[in-house]
Amino acid sequence: MGDKMLKVIARTFLMYIFVTLSVRLMGKRQIGDMQPTELVVTLLISEIAAIPLQDVSQPISIGLVAIFMLVFLEIIASVIILKNLRLRRIFSGKAVAVIKNGVIDQKAMRNVRITIFDLVEMLRMQGIFELDDIETAFLEVNGSLSVRQKPNRAPLTPEQMKLNITDKGIPMTVISDGTVVDSSLKFLSLTRDDLRLILKKENKTIKEIFLMTLNKSGESIIIKKENNK
């Protein structure tokens, strides 16, 4: 393996680690949930990262410094925008009501450049198939649609039906492919000894479990590993 190939491998590994950490510093948003400034920085990072990988004559330090500066500027900008509502509207925009009091605001839709087909598609993705069901709908800054259904069309809640529902808590994954997830145990205020005691009652061991979920009420779902022999 030539020196050039080793250089490319080393650069790729270093750039992969650095870009991953840089994006991690920017937050945990998915691409579709990013604010405009975050999306721009992410696209620029991908372009800058590619330069020293495609041209090994370029010092990798230039790419690393440029990426660091972009992340630094994004963090500073996010802090400033957080404190200043006017700047937030300039850089990130604001939510727009495309349906008000059950009526589609055609002017607002033209301003944000979405068609009725786009609107209907976004409603379908939320399980809503009738426009008459909608009381208010906001197109958020990240492009997602937030919907409030009309009171007489919205699904009934246990409170409206005067039902007393016990909150059993969120099912947490406590074992994944034979490995204990300590963060989930901590969330449930349990220890590994508590988990072993539960498994002992089920006559199972940690290593033979593919997936185990547990909630605060003590209810569990256990899926054993398949026998691949």
C-alpha atoms as a PDB file:
ATOM      1  CA  MET A   1       0.000   0.000   0.000  1.00  0.00           C
ATOM      2  CA  GLY A   2       1.535   3.295  -1.130  1.00  0.00           C
ATOM      3  CA  ASP A   3       2.208   6.368   0.976  1.00  0.00           C
ATOM      4  CA  LYS A   4      -0.522   8.267  -0.871  1.00  0.00           C
ATOM      5  CA  MET A   5      -3.125   5.625  -0.015  1.00  0.00           C
ATOM      6  CA  LEU A   6      -2.098   5.627   3.649  1.00  0.00           C
ATOM      7  CA  LYS A   7      -2.323   9.407   3.641  1.00  0.00           C
ATOM      8  CA  VAL A   8      -5.853   9.288   2.214  1.00  0.00           C
ATOM      9  CA  ILE A   9      -6.924   6.707   4.808  1.00  0.00           C
ATOM     10  CA  ALA A  10      -5.477   8.746   7.675  1.00  0.00           C
ATOM     11  CA  ARG A  11      -7.074  11.953   6.393  1.00  0.00           C
ATOM     12  CA  THR A  12     -10.435  10.253   5.932  1.00  0.00           C
ATOM     13  CA  PHE A  13     -10.371   8.817   9.442  1.00  0.00           C
ATOM     14  CA  LEU A  14      -9.346  12.149  10.996  1.00  0.00           C
ATOM     15  CA  MET A  15     -11.918  14.125   9.000  1.00  0.00           C
ATOM     16  CA  TYR A  16     -14.649  11.603   9.864  1.00  0.00           C
ATOM     17  CA  ILE A  17     -13.963  11.959  13.593  1.00  0.00           C
ATOM     18  CA  PHE A  18     -13.708  15.741  13.431  1.00  0.00           C
ATOM     19  CA  VAL A  19     -16.859  16.260  11.334  1.00  0.00           C
ATOM     20  CA  THR A  20     -18.845  13.856  13.542  1.00  0.00           C
ATOM     21  CA  LEU A  21     -17.805  15.763  16.675  1.00  0.00           C
ATOM     22  CA  SER A  22     -18.532  19.083  14.965  1.00  0.00           C
ATOM     23  CA  VAL A  23     -22.069  18.078  13.989  1.00  0.00           C
ATOM     24  CA  ARG A  24     -22.560  16.633  17.472  1.00  0.00           C
ATOM     25  CA  LEU A  25     -21.651  20.014  18.985  1.00  0.00           C
ATOM     26  CA  MET A  26     -24.329  21.662  16.866  1.00  0.00           C
ATOM     27  CA  GLY A  27     -27.068  19.545  18.452  1.00  0.00           C
ATOM     28  CA  LYS A  28     -29.173  16.447  17.822  1.00  0.00           C
ATOM     29  CA  ARG A  29     -31.578  17.664  15.158  1.00  0.00           C
ATOM     30  CA  GLN A  30     -32.430  15.562  12.156  1.00  0.00           C
ATOM     31  CA  ILE A  31     -31.826  17.147   8.749  1.00  0.00           C
ATOM     32  CA  GLY A  32     -35.538  17.887   8.333  1.00  0.00           C
ATOM     33  CA  ASP A  33     -35.688  19.586  11.741  1.00  0.00           C
ATOM     34  CA  MET A  34     -32.749  21.945  11.233  1.00  0.00           C
ATOM     35  CA  GLN A  35     -33.031  25.680  11.335  1.00  0.00           C
ATOM     36  CA  PRO A  36     -31.817  27.465   8.144  1.00  0.00           C
ATOM     37  CA  THR A  37     -28.506  28.506   9.748  1.00  0.00           C
ATOM     38  CA  GLU A  38     -27.826  24.947  10.920  1.00  0.00           C
ATOM     39  CA  LEU A  39     -28.583  23.507   7.494  1.00  0.00           C
ATOM     40  CA  VAL A  40     -26.254  26.014   5.789  1.00  0.00           C
ATOM     41  CA  VAL A  41     -23.401  25.198   8.178  1.00  0.00           C
ATOM     42  CA  THR A  42     -23.939  21.454   7.719  1.00  0.00           C
ATOM     43  CA  LEU A  43     -23.805  21.794   3.921  1.00  0.00           C
ATOM     44  CA  LEU A  44     -20.666  23.946   4.114  1.00  0.00           C
ATOM     45  CA  ILE A  45     -18.993  21.456   6.448  1.00  0.00           C
ATOM     46  CA  SER A  46     -19.628  18.622   3.984  1.00  0.00           C
ATOM     47  CA  GLU A  47     -18.139  20.671   1.132  1.00  0.00           C
ATOM     48  CA  ILE A  48     -15.071  21.759   3.122  1.00  0.00           C
ATOM     49  CA  ALA A  49     -14.459  18.227   4.419  1.00  0.00           C
ATOM     50  CA  ALA A  50     -14.363  16.891   0.854  1.00  0.00           C
ATOM     51  CA  ILE A  51     -11.583  19.248  -0.320  1.00  0.00           C
ATOM     52  CA  PRO A  52      -8.593  17.768   1.590  1.00  0.00           C
ATOM     53  CA  LEU A  53      -9.884  14.246   0.872  1.00  0.00           C
ATOM     54  CA  GLN A  54     -10.011  14.830  -2.888  1.00  0.00           C
ATOM     55  CA  ASP A  55      -6.742  16.783  -3.063  1.00  0.00           C
ATOM     56  CA  VAL A  56      -4.057  15.338  -0.792  1.00  0.00           C
ATOM     57  CA  SER A  57      -1.768  18.257  -1.658  1.00  0.00           C
ATOM     58  CA  GLN A  58      -4.039  20.506   0.406  1.00  0.00           C
ATOM     59  CA  PRO A  59      -3.070  20.717   4.104  1.00  0.00           C
ATOM     60  CA  ILE A  60      -5.752  18.995   6.154  1.00  0.00           C
ATOM     61  CA  SER A  61      -5.302  21.622   8.863  1.00  0.00           C
ATOM     62  CA  ILE A  62      -6.972  24.211   6.584  1.00  0.00           C
ATOM     63  CA  GLY A  63     -10.119  22.111   6.377  1.00  0.00           C
ATOM     64  CA  LEU A  64     -10.118  21.419  10.126  1.00  0.00           C
ATOM     65  CA  VAL A  65      -9.729  25.105  10.988  1.00  0.00           C
ATOM     66  CA  ALA A  66     -12.490  26.105   8.547  1.00  0.00           C
ATOM     67  CA  ILE A  67     -14.872  23.515   9.998  1.00  0.00           C
ATOM     68  CA  PHE A  68     -14.017  24.583  13.545  1.00  0.00           C
ATOM     69  CA  MET A  69     -14.728  28.213  12.670  1.00  0.00           C
ATOM     70  CA  LEU A  70     -18.090  27.326  11.104  1.00  0.00           C
ATOM     71  CA  VAL A  71     -19.155  25.372  14.183  1.00  0.00           C
ATOM     72  CA  PHE A  72     -17.900  28.155  16.458  1.00  0.00           C
ATOM     73  CA  LEU A  73     -19.832  30.777  14.488  1.00  0.00           C
ATOM     74  CA  GLU A  74     -22.986  28.604  14.508  1.00  0.00           C
ATOM     75  CA  ILE A  75     -22.809  28.186  18.299  1.00  0.00           C
ATOM     76  CA  ILE A  76     -22.251  31.928  18.813  1.00  0.00           C
ATOM     77  CA  ALA A  77     -25.041  32.780  16.362  1.00  0.00           C
ATOM     78  CA  SER A  78     -27.458  30.379  18.076  1.00  0.00           C
ATOM     79  CA  VAL A  79     -26.762  32.003  21.443  1.00  0.00           C
ATOM     80  CA  ILE A  80     -27.284  35.511  20.036  1.00  0.00           C
ATOM     81  CA  ILE A  81     -30.442  34.476  18.169  1.00  0.00           C
ATOM     82  CA  LEU A  82     -31.762  32.883  21.347  1.00  0.00           C
ATOM     83  CA  LYS A  83     -31.502  36.225  23.130  1.00  0.00           C
ATOM     84  CA  ASN A  84     -32.743  38.452  20.288  1.00  0.00           C
ATOM     85  CA  LEU A  85     -36.204  37.819  18.834  1.00  0.00           C
ATOM     86  CA  ARG A  86     -35.665  40.209  15.901  1.00  0.00           C
ATOM     87  CA  LEU A  87     -32.476  38.433  14.797  1.00  0.00           C
ATOM     88  CA  ARG A  88     -34.216  35.087  15.222  1.00  0.00           C
ATOM     89  CA  ARG A  89     -36.895  36.158  12.758  1.00  0.00           C
ATOM     90  CA  ILE A  90     -34.264  37.430  10.310  1.00  0.00           C
ATOM     91  CA  PHE A  91     -32.064  34.297  10.369  1.00  0.00           C
ATOM     92  CA  SER A  92     -34.615  31.587  11.115  1.00  0.00           C
ATOM     93  CA  GLY A  93     -37.911  33.069   9.973  1.00  0.00           C
ATOM     94  CA  LYS A  94     -41.179  32.469  11.800  1.00  0.00           C
ATOM     95  CA  ALA A  95     -44.089  30.056  11.731  1.00  0.00           C
ATOM     96  CA  VAL A  96     -46.866  30.902   9.293  1.00  0.00           C
ATOM     97  CA  ALA A  97     -50.539  30.031   9.772  1.00  0.00           C
ATOM     98  CA  VAL A  98     -51.703  28.454   6.505  1.00  0.00           C
ATOM     99  CA  ILE A  99     -55.104  27.486   7.931  1.00  0.00           C
ATOM    100  CA  LYS A 100     -56.986  29.846  10.263  1.00  0.00           C
ATOM    101  CA  ASN A 101     -60.333  29.053  11.847  1.00  0.00           C
ATOM    102  CA  GLY A 102     -60.805  26.211   9.387  1.00  0.00           C
ATOM    103  CA  VAL A 103     -60.119  28.402   6.324  1.00  0.00           C
ATOM    104  CA  ILE A 104     -57.052  28.017   4.091  1.00  0.00           C
ATOM    105  CA  ASP A 105     -55.056  31.239   3.895  1.00  0.00           C
ATOM    106  CA  GLN A 106     -54.221  31.287   0.186  1.00  0.00           C
ATOM    107  CA  LYS A 107     -52.059  34.407   0.470  1.00  0.00           C
ATOM    108  CA  ALA A 108     -49.954  32.820   3.209  1.00  0.00           C
ATOM    109  CA  MET A 109     -49.522  29.699   1.092  1.00  0.00           C
ATOM    110  CA  ARG A 110     -48.310  31.780  -1.835  1.00  0.00           C
ATOM    111  CA  ASN A 111     -45.872  33.621   0.441  1.00  0.00           C
ATOM    112  CA  VAL A 112     -44.307  30.385   1.693  1.00  0.00           C
ATOM    113  CA  ARG A 113     -44.569  28.850  -1.795  1.00  0.00           C
ATOM    114  CA  ILE A 114     -46.408  25.635  -0.978  1.00  0.00           C
ATOM    115  CA  THR A 115     -49.213  24.207  -3.087  1.00  0.00           C
ATOM    116  CA  ILE A 116     -52.462  22.667  -1.951  1.00  0.00           C
ATOM    117  CA  PHE A 117     -50.973  19.306  -2.928  1.00  0.00           C
ATOM    118  CA  ASP A 118     -48.064  19.933  -0.521  1.00  0.00           C
ATOM    119  CA  LEU A 119     -50.497  20.875   2.239  1.00  0.00           C
ATOM    120  CA  VAL A 120     -52.696  17.820   1.717  1.00  0.00           C
ATOM    121  CA  GLU A 121     -49.627  15.561   1.674  1.00  0.00           C
ATOM    122  CA  MET A 122     -48.339  16.973   4.965  1.00  0.00           C
ATOM    123  CA  LEU A 123     -51.770  16.489   6.523  1.00  0.00           C
ATOM    124  CA  ARG A 124     -51.909  12.888   5.328  1.00  0.00           C
ATOM    125  CA  MET A 125     -48.525  12.246   6.944  1.00  0.00           C
ATOM    126  CA  GLN A 126     -50.171  13.198  10.249  1.00  0.00           C
ATOM    127  CA  GLY A 127     -53.085  10.856   9.639  1.00  0.00           C
ATOM    128  CA  ILE A 128     -55.522  13.628   8.669  1.00  0.00           C
ATOM    129  CA  PHE A 129     -57.383  13.136   5.404  1.00  0.00           C
ATOM    130  CA  GLU A 130     -60.153  15.743   5.616  1.00  0.00           C
ATOM    131  CA  LEU A 131     -59.453  19.479   5.391  1.00  0.00           C
ATOM    132  CA  ASP A 132     -62.689  20.093   7.278  1.00  0.00           C
ATOM    133  CA  ASP A 133     -61.090  18.484  10.348  1.00  0.00           C
ATOM    134  CA  ILE A 134     -58.536  21.300  10.704  1.00  0.00           C
ATOM    135  CA  GLU A 135     -59.064  24.342  12.896  1.00  0.00           C
ATOM    136  CA  THR A 136     -55.521  25.784  12.646  1.00  0.00           C
ATOM    137  CA  ALA A 137     -52.341  24.716  10.875  1.00  0.00           C
ATOM    138  CA  PHE A 138     -48.908  26.332  11.159  1.00  0.00           C
ATOM    139  CA  LEU A 139     -46.028  25.810   8.759  1.00  0.00           C
ATOM    140  CA  GLU A 140     -43.043  25.792  11.105  1.00  0.00           C
ATOM    141  CA  VAL A 141     -39.621  27.246  10.380  1.00  0.00           C
ATOM    142  CA  ASN A 142     -38.151  23.803   9.696  1.00  0.00           C
ATOM    143  CA  GLY A 143     -40.865  23.037   7.126  1.00  0.00           C
ATOM    144  CA  SER A 144     -42.999  20.737   9.273  1.00  0.00           C
ATOM    145  CA  LEU A 145     -46.728  21.272   9.747  1.00  0.00           C
ATOM    146  CA  SER A 146     -48.303  21.678  13.203  1.00  0.00           C
ATOM    147  CA  VAL A 147     -52.034  21.012  13.249  1.00  0.00           C
ATOM    148  CA  ARG A 148     -54.847  21.641  15.711  1.00  0.00           C
ATOM    149  CA  GLN A 149     -58.032  19.789  14.831  1.00  0.00           C
ATOM    150  CA  LYS A 150     -61.520  21.161  15.415  1.00  0.00           C
ATOM    151  CA  PRO A 151     -62.797  20.154  18.879  1.00  0.00           C
ATOM    152  CA  ASN A 152     -65.700  18.202  17.404  1.00  0.00           C
ATOM    153  CA  ARG A 153     -63.380  16.345  14.992  1.00  0.00           C
ATOM    154  CA  ALA A 154     -60.430  15.612  17.291  1.00  0.00           C
ATOM    155  CA  PRO A 155     -60.058  12.150  18.876  1.00  0.00           C
ATOM    156  CA  LEU A 156     -61.570  11.815  22.344  1.00  0.00           C
ATOM    157  CA  THR A 157     -59.172  11.889  25.272  1.00  0.00           C
ATOM    158  CA  PRO A 158     -59.511   9.810  28.459  1.00  0.00           C
ATOM    159  CA  GLU A 159     -60.186  13.067  30.333  1.00  0.00           C
ATOM    160  CA  GLN A 160     -63.122  13.904  28.048  1.00  0.00           C
ATOM    161  CA  MET A 161     -64.484  10.395  28.553  1.00  0.00           C
ATOM    162  CA  LYS A 162     -63.969  10.756  32.319  1.00  0.00           C
ATOM    163  CA  LEU A 163     -61.725   7.710  32.441  1.00  0.00           C
ATOM    164  CA  ASN A 164     -59.073   7.290  35.109  1.00  0.00           C
ATOM    165  CA  ILE A 165     -56.023   6.004  33.248  1.00  0.00           C
ATOM    166  CA  THR A 166     -52.973   4.860  35.187  1.00  0.00           C
ATOM    167  CA  ASP A 167     -49.700   6.164  33.817  1.00  0.00           C
ATOM    168  CA  LYS A 168     -47.416   3.149  33.510  1.00  0.00           C
ATOM    169  CA  GLY A 169     -44.458   5.209  32.331  1.00  0.00           C
ATOM    170  CA  ILE A 170     -42.348   4.997  29.190  1.00  0.00           C
ATOM    171  CA  PRO A 171     -41.101   1.513  28.211  1.00  0.00           C
ATOM    172  CA  MET A 172     -37.315   1.754  28.255  1.00  0.00           C
ATOM    173  CA  THR A 173     -34.890  -0.603  26.538  1.00  0.00           C
ATOM    174  CA  VAL A 174     -32.926  -2.130  29.422  1.00  0.00           C
ATOM    175  CA  ILE A 175     -31.241  -4.952  27.464  1.00  0.00           C
ATOM    176  CA  SER A 176     -30.153  -4.755  23.836  1.00  0.00           C
ATOM    177  CA  ASP A 177     -28.630  -7.860  22.227  1.00  0.00           C
ATOM    178  CA  GLY A 178     -27.349  -9.231  25.524  1.00  0.00           C
ATOM    179  CA  THR A 179     -26.013  -5.879  26.751  1.00  0.00           C
ATOM    180  CA  VAL A 180     -27.472  -3.958  29.693  1.00  0.00           C
ATOM    181  CA  VAL A 181     -28.399  -0.330  28.958  1.00  0.00           C
ATOM    182  CA  ASP A 182     -27.380   1.389  32.197  1.00  0.00           C
ATOM    183  CA  SER A 183     -28.840   4.761  31.212  1.00  0.00           C
ATOM    184  CA  SER A 184     -32.299   3.160  30.945  1.00  0.00           C
ATOM    185  CA  LEU A 185     -31.904   1.521  34.356  1.00  0.00           C
ATOM    186  CA  LYS A 186     -30.935   4.877  35.812  1.00  0.00           C
ATOM    187  CA  PHE A 187     -34.028   6.468  34.270  1.00  0.00           C
ATOM    188  CA  LEU A 188     -36.154   3.779  35.927  1.00  0.00           C
ATOM    189  CA  SER A 189     -34.268   4.160  39.245  1.00  0.00           C
ATOM    190  CA  LEU A 190     -33.138   0.530  39.069  1.00  0.00           C
ATOM    191  CA  THR A 191     -29.797  -1.238  39.464  1.00  0.00           C
ATOM    192  CA  ARG A 192     -28.327  -4.241  37.683  1.00  0.00           C
ATOM    193  CA  ASP A 193     -29.156  -6.317  40.738  1.00  0.00           C
ATOM    194  CA  ASP A 194     -32.813  -5.290  40.392  1.00  0.00           C
ATOM    195  CA  LEU A 195     -32.686  -6.329  36.737  1.00  0.00           C
ATOM    196  CA  ARG A 196     -31.152  -9.707  37.560  1.00  0.00           C
ATOM    197  CA  LEU A 197     -33.869 -10.282  40.139  1.00  0.00           C
ATOM    198  CA  ILE A 198     -36.557  -9.612  37.521  1.00  0.00           C
ATOM    199  CA  LEU A 199     -34.842 -11.958  35.076  1.00  0.00           C
ATOM    200  CA  LYS A 200     -34.492 -14.643  37.727  1.00  0.00           C
ATOM    201  CA  LYS A 201     -38.269 -14.680  38.113  1.00  0.00           C
ATOM    202  CA  GLU A 202     -38.539 -15.127  34.329  1.00  0.00           C
ATOM    203  CA  ASN A 203     -35.860 -17.859  34.430  1.00  0.00           C
ATOM    204  CA  LYS A 204     -33.710 -15.961  31.921  1.00  0.00           C
ATOM    205  CA  THR A 205     -30.199 -14.511  31.788  1.00  0.00           C
ATOM    206  CA  ILE A 206     -28.960 -11.247  30.319  1.00  0.00           C
ATOM    207  CA  LYS A 207     -26.853 -12.887  27.601  1.00  0.00           C
ATOM    208  CA  GLU A 208     -29.739 -14.840  26.096  1.00  0.00           C
ATOM    209  CA  ILE A 209     -31.973 -11.769  25.645  1.00  0.00           C
ATOM    210  CA  PHE A 210     -32.141  -9.915  22.349  1.00  0.00           C
ATOM    211  CA  LEU A 211     -34.448  -7.156  23.597  1.00  0.00           C
ATOM    212  CA  MET A 212     -36.027  -6.312  26.927  1.00  0.00           C
ATOM    213  CA  THR A 213     -38.137  -3.261  27.688  1.00  0.00           C
ATOM    214  CA  LEU A 214     -39.328  -2.249  31.134  1.00  0.00           C
ATOM    215  CA  ASN A 215     -41.547   0.527  32.475  1.00  0.00           C
ATOM    216  CA  LYS A 216     -41.901   2.070  35.934  1.00  0.00           C
ATOM    217  CA  SER A 217     -44.851  -0.184  36.682  1.00  0.00           C
ATOM    218  CA  GLY A 218     -42.601  -3.212  36.338  1.00  0.00           C
ATOM    219  CA  GLU A 219     -44.199  -4.455  33.120  1.00  0.00           C
ATOM    220  CA  SER A 220     -41.697  -5.917  30.690  1.00  0.00           C
ATOM    221  CA  ILE A 221     -41.434  -7.300  27.175  1.00  0.00           C
ATOM    222  CA  ILE A 222     -38.707  -9.864  26.604  1.00  0.00           C
ATOM    223  CA  ILE A 223     -37.534 -11.210  23.254  1.00  0.00           C
ATOM    224  CA  LYS A 224     -34.972 -13.991  23.339  1.00  0.00           C
ATOM    225  CA  LYS A 225     -32.102 -14.263  20.882  1.00  0.00           C
ATOM    226  CA  GLU A 226     -32.674 -16.543  17.950  1.00  0.00           C
ATOM    227  CA  ASN A 227     -30.713 -19.765  17.860  1.00  0.00           C
ATOM    228  CA  ASN A 228     -28.483 -19.437  14.773  1.00  0.00           C
ATOM    229  CA  LYS A 229     -27.070 -22.921  14.985  1.00  0.00           C
END
